């Protein structure tokens, strides 16, 4: 699955549509985080009608996403601090 930023999608929409029409899926990121996936119509239609993907395919997508995105925090202490700060705002 190709990954591109929202800005690249805006600037290269024609290229993306050609890739998708050939069967490729494109992951669009916004500020470094996954925001959307553009799928060929046939693939999207099957998923919308309740066609479940295999475990291996779904897990492969999860692992690919984890490889593309870095950790949000450098240390576990940083993550705990962020979590506590967020909880105090509620």
PDB file of N, CA and C in Angstrom:
ATOM      1  N   UNK A   1       0.859  -1.176   0.000  1.00  0.00           N
ATOM      2  CA  UNK A   1       0.000   0.000   0.000  1.00  0.00           C
ATOM      3  C   UNK A   1       0.901   1.234   0.000  1.00  0.00           C
ATOM      4  N   UNK A   2       0.683   2.122  -0.927  1.00  0.00           N
ATOM      5  CA  UNK A   2       1.460   3.367  -1.017  1.00  0.00           C
ATOM      6  C   UNK A   2       0.960   4.341   0.045  1.00  0.00           C
ATOM      7  N   UNK A   3       1.865   5.080   0.642  1.00  0.00           N
ATOM      8  CA  UNK A   3       1.520   6.102   1.624  1.00  0.00           C
ATOM      9  C   UNK A   3       1.870   7.468   1.053  1.00  0.00           C
ATOM     10  N   UNK A   4       0.975   8.429   1.251  1.00  0.00           N
ATOM     11  CA  UNK A   4       1.247   9.798   0.806  1.00  0.00           C
ATOM     12  C   UNK A   4       0.559  10.784   1.740  1.00  0.00           C
ATOM     13  N   UNK A   5       1.063  11.995   1.756  1.00  0.00           N
ATOM     14  CA  UNK A   5       0.471  13.034   2.594  1.00  0.00           C
ATOM     15  C   UNK A   5      -0.758  13.616   1.905  1.00  0.00           C
ATOM     16  N   UNK A   6      -1.585  14.291   2.685  1.00  0.00           N
ATOM     17  CA  UNK A   6      -2.769  14.945   2.122  1.00  0.00           C
ATOM     18  C   UNK A   6      -2.352  15.995   1.094  1.00  0.00           C
ATOM     19  N   UNK A   7      -1.255  16.678   1.341  1.00  0.00           N
ATOM     20  CA  UNK A   7      -0.766  17.684   0.393  1.00  0.00           C
ATOM     21  C   UNK A   7      -0.359  17.028  -0.925  1.00  0.00           C
ATOM     22  N   UNK A   8       0.342  15.887  -0.839  1.00  0.00           N
ATOM     23  CA  UNK A   8       0.721  15.169  -2.063  1.00  0.00           C
ATOM     24  C   UNK A   8      -0.512  14.690  -2.820  1.00  0.00           C
ATOM     25  N   UNK A   9      -1.526  14.251  -2.090  1.00  0.00           N
ATOM     26  CA  UNK A   9      -2.770  13.830  -2.732  1.00  0.00           C
ATOM     27  C   UNK A   9      -3.383  14.997  -3.500  1.00  0.00           C
ATOM     28  N   UNK A  10      -3.398  16.159  -2.874  1.00  0.00           N
ATOM     29  CA  UNK A  10      -3.952  17.351  -3.527  1.00  0.00           C
ATOM     30  C   UNK A  10      -3.188  17.670  -4.813  1.00  0.00           C
ATOM     31  N   UNK A  11      -1.863  17.562  -4.749  1.00  0.00           N
ATOM     32  CA  UNK A  11      -1.030  17.929  -5.893  1.00  0.00           C
ATOM     33  C   UNK A  11      -0.932  16.854  -6.975  1.00  0.00           C
ATOM     34  N   UNK A  12      -1.263  15.604  -6.631  1.00  0.00           N
ATOM     35  CA  UNK A  12      -1.096  14.493  -7.575  1.00  0.00           C
ATOM     36  C   UNK A  12      -2.346  13.621  -7.650  1.00  0.00           C
ATOM     37  N   UNK A  13      -3.505  14.234  -7.618  1.00  0.00           N
ATOM     38  CA  UNK A  13      -4.762  13.486  -7.616  1.00  0.00           C
ATOM     39  C   UNK A  13      -4.881  12.568  -8.827  1.00  0.00           C
ATOM     40  N   UNK A  14      -4.521  13.040  -9.991  1.00  0.00           N
ATOM     41  CA  UNK A  14      -4.620  12.225 -11.204  1.00  0.00           C
ATOM     42  C   UNK A  14      -3.795  10.955 -11.115  1.00  0.00           C
ATOM     43  N   UNK A  15      -2.559  11.087 -10.631  1.00  0.00           N
ATOM     44  CA  UNK A  15      -1.681   9.925 -10.475  1.00  0.00           C
ATOM     45  C   UNK A  15      -2.281   8.930  -9.479  1.00  0.00           C
ATOM     46  N   UNK A  16      -2.809   9.443  -8.377  1.00  0.00           N
ATOM     47  CA  UNK A  16      -3.414   8.574  -7.365  1.00  0.00           C
ATOM     48  C   UNK A  16      -4.605   7.822  -7.955  1.00  0.00           C
ATOM     49  N   UNK A  17      -5.437   8.508  -8.697  1.00  0.00           N
ATOM     50  CA  UNK A  17      -6.611   7.859  -9.289  1.00  0.00           C
ATOM     51  C   UNK A  17      -6.193   6.771 -10.282  1.00  0.00           C
ATOM     52  N   UNK A  18      -5.121   6.996 -11.031  1.00  0.00           N
ATOM     53  CA  UNK A  18      -4.630   5.963 -11.953  1.00  0.00           C
ATOM     54  C   UNK A  18      -4.136   4.746 -11.179  1.00  0.00           C
ATOM     55  N   UNK A  19      -3.405   4.975 -10.099  1.00  0.00           N
ATOM     56  CA  UNK A  19      -2.916   3.858  -9.274  1.00  0.00           C
ATOM     57  C   UNK A  19      -4.082   3.053  -8.702  1.00  0.00           C
ATOM     58  N   UNK A  20      -5.064   3.764  -8.167  1.00  0.00           N
ATOM     59  CA  UNK A  20      -6.223   3.099  -7.559  1.00  0.00           C
ATOM     60  C   UNK A  20      -7.007   2.333  -8.619  1.00  0.00           C
ATOM     61  N   UNK A  21      -7.158   2.904  -9.799  1.00  0.00           N
ATOM     62  CA  UNK A  21      -7.899   2.211 -10.856  1.00  0.00           C
ATOM     63  C   UNK A  21      -7.177   0.944 -11.309  1.00  0.00           C
ATOM     64  N   UNK A  22      -5.854   0.878 -11.080  1.00  0.00           N
ATOM     65  CA  UNK A  22      -5.088  -0.338 -11.393  1.00  0.00           C
ATOM     66  C   UNK A  22      -5.131  -1.344 -10.247  1.00  0.00           C
ATOM     67  N   UNK A  23      -5.842  -1.020  -9.166  1.00  0.00           N
ATOM     68  CA  UNK A  23      -6.001  -1.966  -8.065  1.00  0.00           C
ATOM     69  C   UNK A  23      -5.177  -1.672  -6.832  1.00  0.00           C
ATOM     70  N   UNK A  24      -4.416  -0.601  -6.830  1.00  0.00           N
ATOM     71  CA  UNK A  24      -3.570  -0.269  -5.687  1.00  0.00           C
ATOM     72  C   UNK A  24      -4.381   0.472  -4.620  1.00  0.00           C
ATOM     73  N   UNK A  25      -4.007   0.302  -3.367  1.00  0.00           N
ATOM     74  CA  UNK A  25      -4.611   1.051  -2.269  1.00  0.00           C
ATOM     75  C   UNK A  25      -3.626   2.135  -1.839  1.00  0.00           C
ATOM     76  N   UNK A  26      -4.150   3.291  -1.429  1.00  0.00           N
ATOM     77  CA  UNK A  26      -3.300   4.418  -1.040  1.00  0.00           C
ATOM     78  C   UNK A  26      -3.713   4.889   0.351  1.00  0.00           C
ATOM     79  N   UNK A  27      -2.747   4.952   1.262  1.00  0.00           N
ATOM     80  CA  UNK A  27      -2.969   5.468   2.608  1.00  0.00           C
ATOM     81  C   UNK A  27      -2.615   6.947   2.602  1.00  0.00           C
ATOM     82  N   UNK A  28      -3.528   7.780   3.067  1.00  0.00           N
ATOM     83  CA  UNK A  28      -3.304   9.227   3.117  1.00  0.00           C
ATOM     84  C   UNK A  28      -3.066   9.622   4.570  1.00  0.00           C
ATOM     85  N   UNK A  29      -1.972  10.348   4.805  1.00  0.00           N
ATOM     86  CA  UNK A  29      -1.674  10.800   6.162  1.00  0.00           C
ATOM     87  C   UNK A  29      -1.924  12.299   6.277  1.00  0.00           C
ATOM     88  N   UNK A  30      -2.292  12.701   7.471  1.00  0.00           N
ATOM     89  CA  UNK A  30      -2.503  14.107   7.780  1.00  0.00           C
ATOM     90  C   UNK A  30      -1.707  14.404   9.037  1.00  0.00           C
ATOM     91  N   UNK A  31      -0.739  15.295   8.917  1.00  0.00           N
ATOM     92  CA  UNK A  31       0.166  15.622  10.028  1.00  0.00           C
ATOM     93  C   UNK A  31       0.872  14.374  10.571  1.00  0.00           C
ATOM     94  N   UNK A  32       1.238  13.486   9.653  1.00  0.00           N
ATOM     95  CA  UNK A  32       2.002  12.298  10.026  1.00  0.00           C
ATOM     96  C   UNK A  32       1.198  11.131  10.544  1.00  0.00           C
ATOM     97  N   UNK A  33      -0.104  11.270  10.613  1.00  0.00           N
ATOM     98  CA  UNK A  33      -0.947  10.178  11.122  1.00  0.00           C
ATOM     99  C   UNK A  33      -1.893   9.693  10.026  1.00  0.00           C
ATOM    100  N   UNK A  34      -2.156   8.389   9.989  1.00  0.00           N
ATOM    101  CA  UNK A  34      -3.084   7.868   8.987  1.00  0.00           C
ATOM    102  C   UNK A  34      -4.440   8.556   9.092  1.00  0.00           C
ATOM    103  N   UNK A  35      -4.968   9.022   7.962  1.00  0.00           N
ATOM    104  CA  UNK A  35      -6.249   9.727   7.953  1.00  0.00           C
ATOM    105  C   UNK A  35      -7.283   9.019   7.091  1.00  0.00           C
ATOM    106  N   UNK A  36      -6.853   8.403   5.990  1.00  0.00           N
ATOM    107  CA  UNK A  36      -7.804   7.774   5.074  1.00  0.00           C
ATOM    108  C   UNK A  36      -7.088   6.753   4.208  1.00  0.00           C
ATOM    109  N   UNK A  37      -7.881   5.843   3.666  1.00  0.00           N
ATOM    110  CA  UNK A  37      -7.379   4.886   2.685  1.00  0.00           C
ATOM    111  C   UNK A  37      -8.250   5.021   1.447  1.00  0.00           C
ATOM    112  N   UNK A  38      -7.618   5.151   0.298  1.00  0.00           N
ATOM    113  CA  UNK A  38      -8.349   5.207  -0.965  1.00  0.00           C
ATOM    114  C   UNK A  38      -8.226   3.828  -1.599  1.00  0.00           C
ATOM    115  N   UNK A  39      -9.384   3.203  -1.849  1.00  0.00           N
ATOM    116  CA  UNK A  39      -9.436   1.831  -2.354  1.00  0.00           C
ATOM    117  C   UNK A  39     -10.053   1.780  -3.736  1.00  0.00           C
ATOM    118  N   UNK A  40      -9.716   0.744  -4.506  1.00  0.00           N
ATOM    119  CA  UNK A  40     -10.460   0.516  -5.740  1.00  0.00           C
ATOM    120  C   UNK A  40     -11.924   0.239  -5.392  1.00  0.00           C
ATOM    121  N   UNK A  41     -12.830   0.606  -6.269  1.00  0.00           N
ATOM    122  CA  UNK A  41     -14.254   0.467  -6.000  1.00  0.00           C
ATOM    123  C   UNK A  41     -14.628  -0.967  -5.642  1.00  0.00           C
ATOM    124  N   UNK A  42     -14.111  -1.937  -6.372  1.00  0.00           N
ATOM    125  CA  UNK A  42     -14.467  -3.339  -6.117  1.00  0.00           C
ATOM    126  C   UNK A  42     -14.073  -3.761  -4.705  1.00  0.00           C
ATOM    127  N   UNK A  43     -12.913  -3.329  -4.238  1.00  0.00           N
ATOM    128  CA  UNK A  43     -12.465  -3.682  -2.889  1.00  0.00           C
ATOM    129  C   UNK A  43     -13.334  -3.009  -1.837  1.00  0.00           C
ATOM    130  N   UNK A  44     -13.645  -1.738  -2.051  1.00  0.00           N
ATOM    131  CA  UNK A  44     -14.479  -1.009  -1.090  1.00  0.00           C
ATOM    132  C   UNK A  44     -15.883  -1.584  -1.056  1.00  0.00           C
ATOM    133  N   UNK A  45     -16.399  -1.953  -2.202  1.00  0.00           N
ATOM    134  CA  UNK A  45     -17.754  -2.507  -2.275  1.00  0.00           C
ATOM    135  C   UNK A  45     -17.840  -3.812  -1.493  1.00  0.00           C
ATOM    136  N   UNK A  46     -16.861  -4.684  -1.656  1.00  0.00           N
ATOM    137  CA  UNK A  46     -16.859  -5.950  -0.929  1.00  0.00           C
ATOM    138  C   UNK A  46     -16.796  -5.742   0.574  1.00  0.00           C
ATOM    139  N   UNK A  47     -16.000  -4.788   1.006  1.00  0.00           N
ATOM    140  CA  UNK A  47     -15.879  -4.518   2.443  1.00  0.00           C
ATOM    141  C   UNK A  47     -17.156  -3.905   2.991  1.00  0.00           C
ATOM    142  N   UNK A  48     -17.785  -3.033   2.214  1.00  0.00           N
ATOM    143  CA  UNK A  48     -19.018  -2.391   2.673  1.00  0.00           C
ATOM    144  C   UNK A  48     -20.148  -3.401   2.799  1.00  0.00           C
ATOM    145  N   UNK A  49     -20.098  -4.450   2.002  1.00  0.00           N
ATOM    146  CA  UNK A  49     -21.148  -5.461   2.049  1.00  0.00           C
ATOM    147  C   UNK A  49     -20.859  -6.526   3.100  1.00  0.00           C
ATOM    148  N   UNK A  50     -19.894  -6.304   3.943  1.00  0.00           N
ATOM    149  CA  UNK A  50     -19.631  -7.210   5.050  1.00  0.00           C
ATOM    150  C   UNK A  50     -18.623  -8.301   4.757  1.00  0.00           C
ATOM    151  N   UNK A  51     -17.897  -8.208   3.678  1.00  0.00           N
ATOM    152  CA  UNK A  51     -16.888  -9.202   3.356  1.00  0.00           C
ATOM    153  C   UNK A  51     -15.702  -9.011   4.294  1.00  0.00           C
ATOM    154  N   UNK A  52     -15.456  -9.961   5.145  1.00  0.00           N
ATOM    155  CA  UNK A  52     -14.371  -9.841   6.118  1.00  0.00           C
ATOM    156  C   UNK A  52     -13.037 -10.201   5.474  1.00  0.00           C
ATOM    157  N   UNK A  53     -12.008  -9.462   5.848  1.00  0.00           N
ATOM    158  CA  UNK A  53     -10.664  -9.787   5.383  1.00  0.00           C
ATOM    159  C   UNK A  53     -10.112 -10.917   6.233  1.00  0.00           C
ATOM    160  N   UNK A  54      -9.141 -11.600   5.703  1.00  0.00           N
ATOM    161  CA  UNK A  54      -8.500 -12.658   6.475  1.00  0.00           C
ATOM    162  C   UNK A  54      -7.692 -12.026   7.608  1.00  0.00           C
ATOM    163  N   UNK A  55      -7.465 -12.807   8.638  1.00  0.00           N
ATOM    164  CA  UNK A  55      -6.673 -12.344   9.770  1.00  0.00           C
ATOM    165  C   UNK A  55      -5.287 -11.911   9.300  1.00  0.00           C
ATOM    166  N   UNK A  56      -4.678 -12.705   8.427  1.00  0.00           N
ATOM    167  CA  UNK A  56      -3.330 -12.410   7.957  1.00  0.00           C
ATOM    168  C   UNK A  56      -3.279 -11.073   7.217  1.00  0.00           C
ATOM    169  N   UNK A  57      -4.282 -10.816   6.379  1.00  0.00           N
ATOM    170  CA  UNK A  57      -4.313  -9.556   5.638  1.00  0.00           C
ATOM    171  C   UNK A  57      -4.483  -8.372   6.591  1.00  0.00           C
ATOM    172  N   UNK A  58      -5.411  -8.496   7.530  1.00  0.00           N
ATOM    173  CA  UNK A  58      -5.655  -7.411   8.485  1.00  0.00           C
ATOM    174  C   UNK A  58      -4.420  -7.175   9.357  1.00  0.00           C
ATOM    175  N   UNK A  59      -3.813  -8.244   9.853  1.00  0.00           N
ATOM    176  CA  UNK A  59      -2.635  -8.106  10.702  1.00  0.00           C
ATOM    177  C   UNK A  59      -1.470  -7.510   9.913  1.00  0.00           C
ATOM    178  N   UNK A  60      -1.335  -7.887   8.655  1.00  0.00           N
ATOM    179  CA  UNK A  60      -0.295  -7.313   7.802  1.00  0.00           C
ATOM    180  C   UNK A  60      -0.455  -5.809   7.670  1.00  0.00           C
ATOM    181  N   UNK A  61      -1.707  -5.348   7.517  1.00  0.00           N
ATOM    182  CA  UNK A  61      -1.963  -3.904   7.435  1.00  0.00           C
ATOM    183  C   UNK A  61      -1.600  -3.201   8.737  1.00  0.00           C
ATOM    184  N   UNK A  62      -1.918  -3.834   9.862  1.00  0.00           N
ATOM    185  CA  UNK A  62      -1.588  -3.250  11.168  1.00  0.00           C
ATOM    186  C   UNK A  62      -0.068  -3.118  11.310  1.00  0.00           C
ATOM    187  N   UNK A  63       0.649  -4.189  10.991  1.00  0.00           N
ATOM    188  CA  UNK A  63       2.111  -4.148  11.104  1.00  0.00           C
ATOM    189  C   UNK A  63       2.718  -3.110  10.163  1.00  0.00           C
ATOM    190  N   UNK A  64       2.180  -3.000   8.960  1.00  0.00           N
ATOM    191  CA  UNK A  64       2.687  -2.006   8.005  1.00  0.00           C
ATOM    192  C   UNK A  64       2.467  -0.592   8.533  1.00  0.00           C
ATOM    193  N   UNK A  65       1.303  -0.343   9.128  1.00  0.00           N
ATOM    194  CA  UNK A  65       1.019   0.976   9.701  1.00  0.00           C
ATOM    195  C   UNK A  65       1.974   1.287  10.847  1.00  0.00           C
ATOM    196  N   UNK A  66       2.240   0.292  11.682  1.00  0.00           N
ATOM    197  CA  UNK A  66       3.156   0.501  12.801  1.00  0.00           C
ATOM    198  C   UNK A  66       4.572   0.796  12.310  1.00  0.00           C
ATOM    199  N   UNK A  67       4.999   0.149  11.231  1.00  0.00           N
ATOM    200  CA  UNK A  67       6.338   0.413  10.687  1.00  0.00           C
ATOM    201  C   UNK A  67       6.431   1.820  10.097  1.00  0.00           C
ATOM    202  N   UNK A  68       5.343   2.293   9.484  1.00  0.00           N
ATOM    203  CA  UNK A  68       5.352   3.619   8.847  1.00  0.00           C
ATOM    204  C   UNK A  68       5.320   4.745   9.869  1.00  0.00           C
ATOM    205  N   UNK A  69       4.657   4.525  10.983  1.00  0.00           N
ATOM    206  CA  UNK A  69       4.517   5.585  11.976  1.00  0.00           C
ATOM    207  C   UNK A  69       5.472   5.309  13.127  1.00  0.00           C
ATOM    208  N   UNK A  70       6.140   6.322  13.567  1.00  0.00           N
ATOM    209  CA  UNK A  70       7.052   6.168  14.688  1.00  0.00           C
ATOM    210  C   UNK A  70       6.287   6.238  16.000  1.00  0.00           C
ATOM    211  N   UNK A  71       6.966   5.956  17.087  1.00  0.00           N
ATOM    212  CA  UNK A  71       6.298   6.049  18.382  1.00  0.00           C
ATOM    213  C   UNK A  71       5.898   7.495  18.680  1.00  0.00           C
ATOM    214  N   UNK A  72       4.764   7.657  19.324  1.00  0.00           N
ATOM    215  CA  UNK A  72       4.273   8.995  19.647  1.00  0.00           C
ATOM    216  C   UNK A  72       5.080   9.621  20.784  1.00  0.00           C
ATOM    217  N   UNK A  73       5.666   8.782  21.625  1.00  0.00           N
ATOM    218  CA  UNK A  73       6.422   9.274  22.775  1.00  0.00           C
ATOM    219  C   UNK A  73       7.789   8.608  22.805  1.00  0.00           C
ATOM    220  N   UNK A  74       8.786   9.330  23.305  1.00  0.00           N
ATOM    221  CA  UNK A  74      10.140   8.786  23.362  1.00  0.00           C
ATOM    222  C   UNK A  74      10.302   7.801  24.512  1.00  0.00           C
ATOM    223  N   UNK A  75       9.602   8.051  25.618  1.00  0.00           N
ATOM    224  CA  UNK A  75       9.707   7.171  26.783  1.00  0.00           C
ATOM    225  C   UNK A  75       8.324   6.881  27.333  1.00  0.00           C
ATOM    226  N   UNK A  76       8.232   5.850  28.170  1.00  0.00           N
ATOM    227  CA  UNK A  76       6.942   5.539  28.789  1.00  0.00           C
ATOM    228  C   UNK A  76       6.544   6.641  29.761  1.00  0.00           C
ATOM    229  N   UNK A  77       7.528   7.306  30.378  1.00  0.00           N
ATOM    230  CA  UNK A  77       7.204   8.395  31.313  1.00  0.00           C
ATOM    231  C   UNK A  77       6.526   9.555  30.582  1.00  0.00           C
ATOM    232  N   UNK A  78       7.000   9.840  29.393  1.00  0.00           N
ATOM    233  CA  UNK A  78       6.386  10.893  28.584  1.00  0.00           C
ATOM    234  C   UNK A  78       4.933  10.529  28.248  1.00  0.00           C
ATOM    235  N   UNK A  79       4.692   9.270  27.933  1.00  0.00           N
ATOM    236  CA  UNK A  79       3.330   8.815  27.618  1.00  0.00           C
ATOM    237  C   UNK A  79       2.422   8.915  28.842  1.00  0.00           C
ATOM    238  N   UNK A  80       2.923   8.519  30.001  1.00  0.00           N
ATOM    239  CA  UNK A  80       2.135   8.597  31.240  1.00  0.00           C
ATOM    240  C   UNK A  80       1.809  10.050  31.557  1.00  0.00           C
ATOM    241  N   UNK A  81       2.794  10.939  31.426  1.00  0.00           N
ATOM    242  CA  UNK A  81       2.557  12.363  31.683  1.00  0.00           C
ATOM    243  C   UNK A  81       1.488  12.929  30.772  1.00  0.00           C
ATOM    244  N   UNK A  82       1.548  12.577  29.499  1.00  0.00           N
ATOM    245  CA  UNK A  82       0.540  13.044  28.541  1.00  0.00           C
ATOM    246  C   UNK A  82      -0.839  12.512  28.921  1.00  0.00           C
ATOM    247  N   UNK A  83      -0.896  11.242  29.290  1.00  0.00           N
ATOM    248  CA  UNK A  83      -2.166  10.619  29.647  1.00  0.00           C
ATOM    249  C   UNK A  83      -2.772  11.269  30.890  1.00  0.00           C
ATOM    250  N   UNK A  84      -1.957  11.523  31.884  1.00  0.00           N
ATOM    251  CA  UNK A  84      -2.460  12.145  33.115  1.00  0.00           C
ATOM    252  C   UNK A  84      -2.921  13.576  32.868  1.00  0.00           C
ATOM    253  N   UNK A  85      -2.179  14.301  32.057  1.00  0.00           N
ATOM    254  CA  UNK A  85      -2.565  15.675  31.733  1.00  0.00           C
ATOM    255  C   UNK A  85      -3.912  15.675  31.003  1.00  0.00           C
ATOM    256  N   UNK A  86      -4.079  14.746  30.082  1.00  0.00           N
ATOM    257  CA  UNK A  86      -5.330  14.657  29.321  1.00  0.00           C
ATOM    258  C   UNK A  86      -6.495  14.278  30.240  1.00  0.00           C
ATOM    259  N   UNK A  87      -6.266  13.353  31.167  1.00  0.00           N
ATOM    260  CA  UNK A  87      -7.321  12.926  32.082  1.00  0.00           C
ATOM    261  C   UNK A  87      -7.752  14.069  32.997  1.00  0.00           C
ATOM    262  N   UNK A  88      -6.818  14.937  33.371  1.00  0.00           N
ATOM    263  CA  UNK A  88      -7.162  16.047  34.266  1.00  0.00           C
ATOM    264  C   UNK A  88      -8.008  17.109  33.566  1.00  0.00           C
ATOM    265  N   UNK A  89      -8.012  17.121  32.244  1.00  0.00           N
ATOM    266  CA  UNK A  89      -8.799  18.101  31.493  1.00  0.00           C
ATOM    267  C   UNK A  89     -10.266  17.710  31.382  1.00  0.00           C
ATOM    268  N   UNK A  90     -10.588  16.483  31.696  1.00  0.00           N
ATOM    269  CA  UNK A  90     -11.973  16.013  31.549  1.00  0.00           C
ATOM    270  C   UNK A  90     -12.840  16.427  32.678  1.00  0.00           C
TER     271      UNK A  90
END
